[in-house]
Amino acid sequence: MVRSTIKLCRRPGSLLDILPIADVAVAYLQSVEGVTNIEIERSNLLQIELTYLWHGSGDPVIPLDTIDRYGLSVC
């Protein structure tokens, strides 16, 4: 298991803007196979930094093709 960090930013104009960024970001990471034990390190209205455990082989693979659906982008 590898503990990794990801920093996500809110994309303005998303339908999910009404939800707290923490809820949206955690939901996104929970949807990624091999990711567990998500923890919020820092957060404000527009950015969030999360750590998580990666149970896959090799380096963590976070699919960015679906991140758009959550109204997020990698900072």
N, C-alpha and C. Protein backbone atom coordinates (compact mmCIF):
# COMPACT_ATOMS: atom_id res chain seq x y z
N MET A 1 0.83 -1.19 0.00
CA MET A 1 0.00 0.00 0.00
C MET A 1 0.87 1.24 0.00
N VAL A 2 0.45 2.20 -0.78
CA VAL A 2 1.17 3.46 -0.89
C VAL A 2 0.24 4.59 -0.48
N ARG A 3 0.67 5.47 0.44
CA ARG A 3 -0.13 6.64 0.81
C ARG A 3 0.26 7.75 -0.15
N SER A 4 -0.73 8.33 -0.82
CA SER A 4 -0.49 9.36 -1.83
C SER A 4 -1.33 10.60 -1.53
N THR A 5 -0.97 11.67 -2.19
CA THR A 5 -1.67 12.95 -2.02
C THR A 5 -2.16 13.44 -3.37
N ILE A 6 -3.33 14.06 -3.38
CA ILE A 6 -3.84 14.71 -4.58
C ILE A 6 -4.47 16.03 -4.17
N LYS A 7 -4.25 17.06 -4.99
CA LYS A 7 -4.83 18.37 -4.74
C LYS A 7 -5.82 18.64 -5.87
N LEU A 8 -7.06 18.91 -5.50
CA LEU A 8 -8.12 19.14 -6.48
C LEU A 8 -8.68 20.54 -6.35
N CYS A 9 -9.11 21.11 -7.48
CA CYS A 9 -9.72 22.43 -7.52
C CYS A 9 -11.12 22.32 -8.10
N ARG A 10 -12.00 23.17 -7.64
CA ARG A 10 -13.35 23.23 -8.18
C ARG A 10 -13.32 23.95 -9.53
N ARG A 11 -14.05 23.41 -10.50
CA ARG A 11 -14.21 24.08 -11.79
C ARG A 11 -15.48 24.91 -11.73
N PRO A 12 -15.39 26.21 -11.83
CA PRO A 12 -16.58 27.06 -11.75
C PRO A 12 -17.60 26.70 -12.84
N GLY A 13 -18.87 26.78 -12.46
CA GLY A 13 -19.94 26.54 -13.42
C GLY A 13 -20.50 25.13 -13.40
N SER A 14 -19.98 24.26 -12.56
CA SER A 14 -20.47 22.90 -12.47
C SER A 14 -21.79 22.88 -11.70
N LEU A 15 -22.64 21.93 -12.02
CA LEU A 15 -23.90 21.77 -11.29
C LEU A 15 -23.65 21.35 -9.84
N LEU A 16 -22.46 20.82 -9.56
CA LEU A 16 -22.14 20.37 -8.21
C LEU A 16 -21.55 21.48 -7.35
N ASP A 17 -21.51 22.71 -7.87
CA ASP A 17 -20.97 23.85 -7.12
C ASP A 17 -21.73 24.10 -5.82
N ILE A 18 -22.97 23.65 -5.74
CA ILE A 18 -23.77 23.91 -4.54
C ILE A 18 -23.37 22.99 -3.38
N LEU A 19 -22.64 21.92 -3.69
CA LEU A 19 -22.19 20.98 -2.66
C LEU A 19 -20.80 21.37 -2.15
N PRO A 20 -20.51 21.09 -0.89
CA PRO A 20 -19.15 21.36 -0.38
C PRO A 20 -18.10 20.59 -1.19
N ILE A 21 -16.99 21.23 -1.47
CA ILE A 21 -15.94 20.60 -2.26
C ILE A 21 -15.45 19.30 -1.62
N ALA A 22 -15.46 19.25 -0.30
CA ALA A 22 -15.01 18.03 0.39
C ALA A 22 -15.91 16.85 0.03
N ASP A 23 -17.22 17.06 0.01
CA ASP A 23 -18.15 15.98 -0.34
C ASP A 23 -17.93 15.49 -1.76
N VAL A 24 -17.75 16.42 -2.68
CA VAL A 24 -17.58 16.08 -4.09
C VAL A 24 -16.24 15.37 -4.32
N ALA A 25 -15.17 15.89 -3.72
CA ALA A 25 -13.84 15.31 -3.92
C ALA A 25 -13.75 13.91 -3.32
N VAL A 26 -14.31 13.72 -2.15
CA VAL A 26 -14.28 12.39 -1.52
C VAL A 26 -15.11 11.42 -2.35
N ALA A 27 -16.26 11.84 -2.85
CA ALA A 27 -17.08 10.97 -3.69
C ALA A 27 -16.32 10.56 -4.95
N TYR A 28 -15.59 11.50 -5.54
CA TYR A 28 -14.79 11.18 -6.72
C TYR A 28 -13.74 10.12 -6.40
N LEU A 29 -12.96 10.34 -5.35
CA LEU A 29 -11.91 9.38 -5.01
C LEU A 29 -12.48 8.02 -4.60
N GLN A 30 -13.64 8.02 -3.95
CA GLN A 30 -14.26 6.75 -3.58
C GLN A 30 -14.67 5.94 -4.81
N SER A 31 -14.88 6.62 -5.93
CA SER A 31 -15.28 5.94 -7.16
C SER A 31 -14.10 5.28 -7.88
N VAL A 32 -12.88 5.57 -7.43
CA VAL A 32 -11.68 5.04 -8.08
C VAL A 32 -11.31 3.69 -7.45
N GLU A 33 -11.26 2.66 -8.27
CA GLU A 33 -10.91 1.33 -7.79
C GLU A 33 -9.49 1.31 -7.25
N GLY A 34 -9.30 0.73 -6.08
CA GLY A 34 -7.98 0.63 -5.47
C GLY A 34 -7.67 1.72 -4.47
N VAL A 35 -8.57 2.71 -4.33
CA VAL A 35 -8.38 3.81 -3.40
C VAL A 35 -9.20 3.57 -2.13
N THR A 36 -8.55 3.68 -0.97
CA THR A 36 -9.24 3.57 0.32
C THR A 36 -8.66 4.58 1.29
N ASN A 37 -9.24 4.65 2.46
CA ASN A 37 -8.72 5.45 3.57
C ASN A 37 -8.44 6.89 3.15
N ILE A 38 -9.45 7.56 2.63
CA ILE A 38 -9.32 8.95 2.16
C ILE A 38 -9.38 9.88 3.36
N GLU A 39 -8.43 10.80 3.42
CA GLU A 39 -8.39 11.79 4.50
C GLU A 39 -8.21 13.18 3.92
N ILE A 40 -8.93 14.15 4.49
CA ILE A 40 -8.81 15.54 4.07
C ILE A 40 -7.68 16.18 4.87
N GLU A 41 -6.70 16.71 4.15
CA GLU A 41 -5.56 17.38 4.79
C GLU A 41 -5.81 18.87 4.92
N ARG A 42 -6.24 19.50 3.83
CA ARG A 42 -6.54 20.95 3.81
C ARG A 42 -7.70 21.17 2.86
N SER A 43 -8.49 22.20 3.17
CA SER A 43 -9.63 22.49 2.30
C SER A 43 -10.06 23.94 2.47
N ASN A 44 -10.50 24.54 1.36
CA ASN A 44 -11.18 25.83 1.40
C ASN A 44 -12.31 25.75 0.38
N LEU A 45 -12.91 26.85 0.02
CA LEU A 45 -14.06 26.80 -0.89
C LEU A 45 -13.72 26.30 -2.28
N LEU A 46 -12.49 26.52 -2.74
CA LEU A 46 -12.14 26.22 -4.13
C LEU A 46 -11.11 25.11 -4.29
N GLN A 47 -10.39 24.74 -3.23
CA GLN A 47 -9.34 23.73 -3.33
C GLN A 47 -9.41 22.76 -2.16
N ILE A 48 -8.93 21.55 -2.42
CA ILE A 48 -8.86 20.55 -1.36
C ILE A 48 -7.65 19.67 -1.59
N GLU A 49 -6.98 19.31 -0.52
CA GLU A 49 -5.86 18.37 -0.59
C GLU A 49 -6.24 17.13 0.20
N LEU A 50 -6.17 15.99 -0.47
CA LEU A 50 -6.56 14.72 0.13
C LEU A 50 -5.39 13.75 0.11
N THR A 51 -5.35 12.88 1.10
CA THR A 51 -4.43 11.75 1.06
C THR A 51 -5.28 10.48 1.02
N TYR A 52 -4.69 9.42 0.47
CA TYR A 52 -5.43 8.17 0.32
C TYR A 52 -4.45 7.01 0.23
N LEU A 53 -4.95 5.82 0.48
CA LEU A 53 -4.14 4.61 0.30
C LEU A 53 -4.45 4.01 -1.07
N TRP A 54 -3.40 3.60 -1.75
CA TRP A 54 -3.51 2.98 -3.07
C TRP A 54 -3.20 1.50 -2.92
N HIS A 55 -4.14 0.66 -3.32
CA HIS A 55 -3.99 -0.78 -3.19
C HIS A 55 -3.70 -1.46 -4.53
N GLY A 56 -3.49 -0.69 -5.57
CA GLY A 56 -3.18 -1.26 -6.87
C GLY A 56 -1.69 -1.54 -7.00
N SER A 57 -1.33 -2.10 -8.12
CA SER A 57 0.09 -2.36 -8.37
C SER A 57 0.72 -1.13 -9.02
N GLY A 58 1.95 -0.86 -8.65
CA GLY A 58 2.66 0.29 -9.21
C GLY A 58 2.19 1.60 -8.61
N ASP A 59 2.42 2.68 -9.35
CA ASP A 59 2.03 4.01 -8.91
C ASP A 59 0.51 4.17 -8.96
N PRO A 60 -0.05 5.07 -8.13
CA PRO A 60 -1.49 5.30 -8.16
C PRO A 60 -1.96 5.77 -9.54
N VAL A 61 -3.10 5.25 -9.95
CA VAL A 61 -3.70 5.62 -11.23
C VAL A 61 -5.05 6.26 -10.93
N ILE A 62 -5.11 7.56 -11.03
CA ILE A 62 -6.34 8.30 -10.80
C ILE A 62 -6.84 8.76 -12.17
N PRO A 63 -7.96 8.19 -12.65
CA PRO A 63 -8.45 8.52 -13.99
C PRO A 63 -8.98 9.95 -14.07
N LEU A 64 -8.35 10.74 -14.89
CA LEU A 64 -8.74 12.14 -15.01
C LEU A 64 -9.85 12.35 -16.03
N ASP A 65 -10.18 11.31 -16.81
CA ASP A 65 -11.23 11.48 -17.81
C ASP A 65 -12.62 11.59 -17.17
N THR A 66 -12.77 11.16 -15.92
CA THR A 66 -14.06 11.25 -15.25
C THR A 66 -14.12 12.38 -14.22
N ILE A 67 -13.01 13.00 -13.94
CA ILE A 67 -12.98 14.05 -12.91
C ILE A 67 -13.87 15.24 -13.31
N ASP A 68 -14.00 15.46 -14.60
CA ASP A 68 -14.81 16.55 -15.13
C ASP A 68 -16.28 16.42 -14.69
N ARG A 69 -16.75 15.20 -14.59
CA ARG A 69 -18.15 14.96 -14.19
C ARG A 69 -18.43 15.44 -12.77
N TYR A 70 -17.40 15.54 -11.97
CA TYR A 70 -17.53 15.96 -10.59
C TYR A 70 -17.30 17.46 -10.43
N GLY A 71 -17.06 18.16 -11.52
CA GLY A 71 -16.80 19.60 -11.46
C GLY A 71 -15.47 19.94 -10.82
N LEU A 72 -14.51 19.03 -10.97
CA LEU A 72 -13.18 19.20 -10.37
C LEU A 72 -12.09 19.12 -11.42
N SER A 73 -10.91 19.60 -11.06
CA SER A 73 -9.71 19.44 -11.86
C SER A 73 -8.54 19.29 -10.91
N VAL A 74 -7.44 18.75 -11.41
CA VAL A 74 -6.24 18.64 -10.60
C VAL A 74 -5.54 19.98 -10.58
N CYS A 75 -5.19 20.46 -9.40
CA CYS A 75 -4.51 21.77 -9.26
C CYS A 75 -3.04 21.64 -9.58
